[in-house]
Amino acid sequence: MMNSYGITGNATAAAPAAYGGGNRPEQGKQPGMDSNLFLQLLVAQMRYQDPLSSDQDTGEMVTQLAMFTLLEQVIKLQQVAENQGHVIEQSAALNLLNRQVEVVDENGTVFSGLVTAINFQGGQPFLTVNDEEFPYAALIKVEEGSPDNG
């Protein structure tokens, strides 16, 4: 079945394969439409558009270009927010150095001790408590001051 844009068949199935996105596994993604699929469909649609044809609505094309620009800006804003979140998390982790904390391991065991080091792996902070490393997300309690000054 051909639509008004000259695309035949199921565009959602054809576009990812046509633009190299069909065989990439997406880890941690929910099924559904993501920004890459949206862009692939938009490019496929625009490729087959004839802007000079009388049955083509130019307002619709302008709307799609505006949506594309908006999507780009939202993606950039999301990236900035994620980067700021990582910076805030790293700064907060550094402020825990020489502080008494409680952390929980993957088995649910709670450990209490002084943070003696902060390591960054892949941009994520890891706290060293009692000579063991814990991800920053394992932090459950921070006590006022340290045992020496509190």
C-alpha atoms as a PDB file:
ATOM      1  CA  MET A   1       0.000   0.000   0.000  1.00  0.00           C
ATOM      2  CA  MET A   2       1.473   3.366  -1.044  1.00  0.00           C
ATOM      3  CA  ASN A   3       0.819   6.480   1.017  1.00  0.00           C
ATOM      4  CA  SER A   4       0.955  10.124  -0.103  1.00  0.00           C
ATOM      5  CA  TYR A   5       4.716  10.219   0.489  1.00  0.00           C
ATOM      6  CA  GLY A   6       5.540   7.369  -1.875  1.00  0.00           C
ATOM      7  CA  ILE A   7       6.459   4.925   0.878  1.00  0.00           C
ATOM      8  CA  THR A   8       5.187   1.446   0.232  1.00  0.00           C
ATOM      9  CA  GLY A   9       4.485  -1.149   2.904  1.00  0.00           C
ATOM     10  CA  ASN A  10       5.327  -0.964   6.577  1.00  0.00           C
ATOM     11  CA  ALA A  11       7.568   2.084   7.011  1.00  0.00           C
ATOM     12  CA  THR A  12       8.317   1.327  10.658  1.00  0.00           C
ATOM     13  CA  ALA A  13       9.845  -2.023   9.773  1.00  0.00           C
ATOM     14  CA  ALA A  14      11.667  -0.844   6.641  1.00  0.00           C
ATOM     15  CA  ALA A  15      13.253   2.370   7.866  1.00  0.00           C
ATOM     16  CA  PRO A  16      15.555   0.974  10.588  1.00  0.00           C
ATOM     17  CA  ALA A  17      16.940  -1.702   8.275  1.00  0.00           C
ATOM     18  CA  ALA A  18      17.384   0.789   5.423  1.00  0.00           C
ATOM     19  CA  TYR A  19      19.451   3.145   7.576  1.00  0.00           C
ATOM     20  CA  GLY A  20      21.591   0.651   9.465  1.00  0.00           C
ATOM     21  CA  GLY A  21      19.620   0.646  12.706  1.00  0.00           C
ATOM     22  CA  GLY A  22      17.879  -2.685  12.318  1.00  0.00           C
ATOM     23  CA  ASN A  23      20.508  -4.954  13.860  1.00  0.00           C
ATOM     24  CA  ARG A  24      21.659  -2.872  16.837  1.00  0.00           C
ATOM     25  CA  PRO A  25      20.611  -4.310  20.186  1.00  0.00           C
ATOM     26  CA  GLU A  26      19.310  -1.652  22.540  1.00  0.00           C
ATOM     27  CA  GLN A  27      20.217  -2.532  26.116  1.00  0.00           C
ATOM     28  CA  GLY A  28      17.961  -1.204  28.829  1.00  0.00           C
ATOM     29  CA  LYS A  29      15.485   0.284  26.357  1.00  0.00           C
ATOM     30  CA  GLN A  30      11.759  -0.216  26.547  1.00  0.00           C
ATOM     31  CA  PRO A  31      10.076  -1.342  23.336  1.00  0.00           C
ATOM     32  CA  GLY A  32       8.505   1.521  21.451  1.00  0.00           C
ATOM     33  CA  MET A  33       9.479   4.564  19.483  1.00  0.00           C
ATOM     34  CA  ASP A  34      12.749   6.245  20.381  1.00  0.00           C
ATOM     35  CA  SER A  35      14.409   9.303  18.884  1.00  0.00           C
ATOM     36  CA  ASN A  36      16.573   7.311  16.459  1.00  0.00           C
ATOM     37  CA  LEU A  37      13.547   5.537  15.017  1.00  0.00           C
ATOM     38  CA  PHE A  38      11.703   8.853  14.738  1.00  0.00           C
ATOM     39  CA  LEU A  39      14.621  10.400  12.848  1.00  0.00           C
ATOM     40  CA  GLN A  40      14.937   7.377  10.563  1.00  0.00           C
ATOM     41  CA  LEU A  41      11.246   7.523   9.696  1.00  0.00           C
ATOM     42  CA  LEU A  42      11.389  11.269   9.121  1.00  0.00           C
ATOM     43  CA  VAL A  43      14.408  10.922   6.805  1.00  0.00           C
ATOM     44  CA  ALA A  44      12.712   8.107   4.881  1.00  0.00           C
ATOM     45  CA  GLN A  45       9.562  10.176   4.525  1.00  0.00           C
ATOM     46  CA  MET A  46      11.428  13.289   3.404  1.00  0.00           C
ATOM     47  CA  ARG A  47      13.477  11.293   0.907  1.00  0.00           C
ATOM     48  CA  TYR A  48      10.332  10.346  -1.005  1.00  0.00           C
ATOM     49  CA  GLN A  49       8.559  13.702  -0.761  1.00  0.00           C
ATOM     50  CA  ASP A  50       8.096  15.846  -3.847  1.00  0.00           C
ATOM     51  CA  PRO A  51       7.845  19.429  -2.568  1.00  0.00           C
ATOM     52  CA  LEU A  52       6.521  20.649  -5.925  1.00  0.00           C
ATOM     53  CA  SER A  53       3.587  18.239  -6.183  1.00  0.00           C
ATOM     54  CA  SER A  54       0.146  19.753  -5.788  1.00  0.00           C
ATOM     55  CA  ASP A  55      -1.132  17.067  -3.415  1.00  0.00           C
ATOM     56  CA  GLN A  56       1.728  17.706  -0.971  1.00  0.00           C
ATOM     57  CA  ASP A  57       0.936  19.951   1.995  1.00  0.00           C
ATOM     58  CA  THR A  58       3.959  22.219   2.520  1.00  0.00           C
ATOM     59  CA  GLY A  59       2.649  23.175   5.959  1.00  0.00           C
ATOM     60  CA  GLU A  60       2.941  19.534   6.983  1.00  0.00           C
ATOM     61  CA  MET A  61       6.551  19.441   5.798  1.00  0.00           C
ATOM     62  CA  VAL A  62       7.368  22.625   7.753  1.00  0.00           C
ATOM     63  CA  THR A  63       5.695  21.112  10.830  1.00  0.00           C
ATOM     64  CA  GLN A  64       7.829  17.984  10.511  1.00  0.00           C
ATOM     65  CA  LEU A  65      11.008  20.053  10.198  1.00  0.00           C
ATOM     66  CA  ALA A  66       9.970  22.009  13.298  1.00  0.00           C
ATOM     67  CA  MET A  67       9.390  18.722  15.148  1.00  0.00           C
ATOM     68  CA  PHE A  68      12.831  17.531  14.083  1.00  0.00           C
ATOM     69  CA  THR A  69      14.444  20.757  15.371  1.00  0.00           C
ATOM     70  CA  LEU A  70      12.494  20.500  18.623  1.00  0.00           C
ATOM     71  CA  LEU A  71      13.592  16.882  19.067  1.00  0.00           C
ATOM     72  CA  GLU A  72      17.238  17.873  18.559  1.00  0.00           C
ATOM     73  CA  GLN A  73      16.934  20.586  21.198  1.00  0.00           C
ATOM     74  CA  VAL A  74      15.235  18.244  23.673  1.00  0.00           C
ATOM     75  CA  ILE A  75      18.004  15.665  23.165  1.00  0.00           C
ATOM     76  CA  LYS A  76      20.671  18.321  23.791  1.00  0.00           C
ATOM     77  CA  LEU A  77      18.836  19.526  26.899  1.00  0.00           C
ATOM     78  CA  GLN A  78      18.595  15.965  28.193  1.00  0.00           C
ATOM     79  CA  GLN A  79      22.336  15.454  27.650  1.00  0.00           C
ATOM     80  CA  VAL A  80      23.148  18.671  29.523  1.00  0.00           C
ATOM     81  CA  ALA A  81      20.885  17.629  32.406  1.00  0.00           C
ATOM     82  CA  GLU A  82      22.499  14.188  32.572  1.00  0.00           C
ATOM     83  CA  ASN A  83      25.991  15.736  32.592  1.00  0.00           C
ATOM     84  CA  GLN A  84      25.000  18.133  35.366  1.00  0.00           C
ATOM     85  CA  GLY A  85      23.582  15.216  37.343  1.00  0.00           C
ATOM     86  CA  HIS A  86      26.904  13.378  37.059  1.00  0.00           C
ATOM     87  CA  VAL A  87      28.841  16.473  38.136  1.00  0.00           C
ATOM     88  CA  ILE A  88      26.563  16.982  41.137  1.00  0.00           C
ATOM     89  CA  GLU A  89      26.875  13.315  42.109  1.00  0.00           C
ATOM     90  CA  GLN A  90      30.684  13.452  41.787  1.00  0.00           C
ATOM     91  CA  SER A  91      30.869  16.619  43.870  1.00  0.00           C
ATOM     92  CA  ALA A  92      28.611  15.137  46.539  1.00  0.00           C
ATOM     93  CA  ALA A  93      30.761  12.002  46.647  1.00  0.00           C
ATOM     94  CA  LEU A  94      33.936  14.067  47.092  1.00  0.00           C
ATOM     95  CA  ASN A  95      32.301  15.864  50.029  1.00  0.00           C
ATOM     96  CA  LEU A  96      31.965  12.494  51.785  1.00  0.00           C
ATOM     97  CA  LEU A  97      35.712  12.001  52.102  1.00  0.00           C
ATOM     98  CA  ASN A  98      36.638  11.435  55.786  1.00  0.00           C
ATOM     99  CA  ARG A  99      32.957  11.280  56.772  1.00  0.00           C
ATOM    100  CA  GLN A 100      31.232   8.485  58.689  1.00  0.00           C
ATOM    101  CA  VAL A 101      28.698   6.740  56.410  1.00  0.00           C
ATOM    102  CA  GLU A 102      26.552   3.660  56.108  1.00  0.00           C
ATOM    103  CA  VAL A 103      26.444   1.755  52.834  1.00  0.00           C
ATOM    104  CA  VAL A 104      24.651  -1.389  51.757  1.00  0.00           C
ATOM    105  CA  ASP A 105      26.135  -4.086  49.523  1.00  0.00           C
ATOM    106  CA  GLU A 106      24.339  -6.097  46.837  1.00  0.00           C
ATOM    107  CA  ASN A 107      23.325  -8.706  49.443  1.00  0.00           C
ATOM    108  CA  GLY A 108      21.642  -6.125  51.668  1.00  0.00           C
ATOM    109  CA  THR A 109      24.365  -6.124  54.332  1.00  0.00           C
ATOM    110  CA  VAL A 110      24.892  -2.709  55.913  1.00  0.00           C
ATOM    111  CA  PHE A 111      28.453  -1.510  56.510  1.00  0.00           C
ATOM    112  CA  SER A 112      29.405   1.507  58.614  1.00  0.00           C
ATOM    113  CA  GLY A 113      32.716   3.297  58.464  1.00  0.00           C
ATOM    114  CA  LEU A 114      34.819   6.217  57.396  1.00  0.00           C
ATOM    115  CA  VAL A 115      35.068   7.070  53.677  1.00  0.00           C
ATOM    116  CA  THR A 116      38.806   6.833  53.063  1.00  0.00           C
ATOM    117  CA  ALA A 117      38.882   7.241  49.271  1.00  0.00           C
ATOM    118  CA  ILE A 118      36.718   8.162  46.296  1.00  0.00           C
ATOM    119  CA  ASN A 119      37.364   6.458  42.956  1.00  0.00           C
ATOM    120  CA  PHE A 120      35.705   7.269  39.643  1.00  0.00           C
ATOM    121  CA  GLN A 121      35.020   4.442  37.223  1.00  0.00           C
ATOM    122  CA  GLY A 122      33.225   5.318  34.017  1.00  0.00           C
ATOM    123  CA  GLY A 123      32.353   8.688  35.517  1.00  0.00           C
ATOM    124  CA  GLN A 124      30.564   7.035  38.439  1.00  0.00           C
ATOM    125  CA  PRO A 125      31.865   7.607  41.995  1.00  0.00           C
ATOM    126  CA  PHE A 126      32.783   4.663  44.219  1.00  0.00           C
ATOM    127  CA  LEU A 127      33.303   5.107  47.958  1.00  0.00           C
ATOM    128  CA  THR A 128      35.961   3.166  49.841  1.00  0.00           C
ATOM    129  CA  VAL A 129      34.591   2.196  53.268  1.00  0.00           C
ATOM    130  CA  ASN A 130      36.425  -0.337  55.476  1.00  0.00           C
ATOM    131  CA  ASP A 131      38.795  -1.079  52.556  1.00  0.00           C
ATOM    132  CA  GLU A 132      35.863  -2.094  50.310  1.00  0.00           C
ATOM    133  CA  GLU A 133      34.487  -0.163  47.341  1.00  0.00           C
ATOM    134  CA  PHE A 134      30.798   0.677  47.131  1.00  0.00           C
ATOM    135  CA  PRO A 135      28.962   2.563  44.391  1.00  0.00           C
ATOM    136  CA  TYR A 136      27.660   5.977  45.412  1.00  0.00           C
ATOM    137  CA  ALA A 137      24.119   4.636  44.998  1.00  0.00           C
ATOM    138  CA  ALA A 138      24.794   2.209  47.897  1.00  0.00           C
ATOM    139  CA  LEU A 139      24.996   5.132  50.331  1.00  0.00           C
ATOM    140  CA  ILE A 140      22.142   5.036  52.859  1.00  0.00           C
ATOM    141  CA  LYS A 141      23.330   7.324  55.685  1.00  0.00           C
ATOM    142  CA  VAL A 142      25.834  10.122  56.297  1.00  0.00           C
ATOM    143  CA  GLU A 143      26.603  11.117  59.860  1.00  0.00           C
ATOM    144  CA  GLU A 144      27.394  14.632  61.008  1.00  0.00           C
ATOM    145  CA  GLY A 145      31.169  15.166  61.118  1.00  0.00           C
ATOM    146  CA  SER A 146      33.652  12.336  61.595  1.00  0.00           C
ATOM    147  CA  PRO A 147      34.411  10.205  64.654  1.00  0.00           C
ATOM    148  CA  ASP A 148      37.505  12.359  65.432  1.00  0.00           C
ATOM    149  CA  ASN A 149      35.723  15.758  65.467  1.00  0.00           C
ATOM    150  CA  GLY A 150      32.157  14.881  66.320  1.00  0.00           C
END
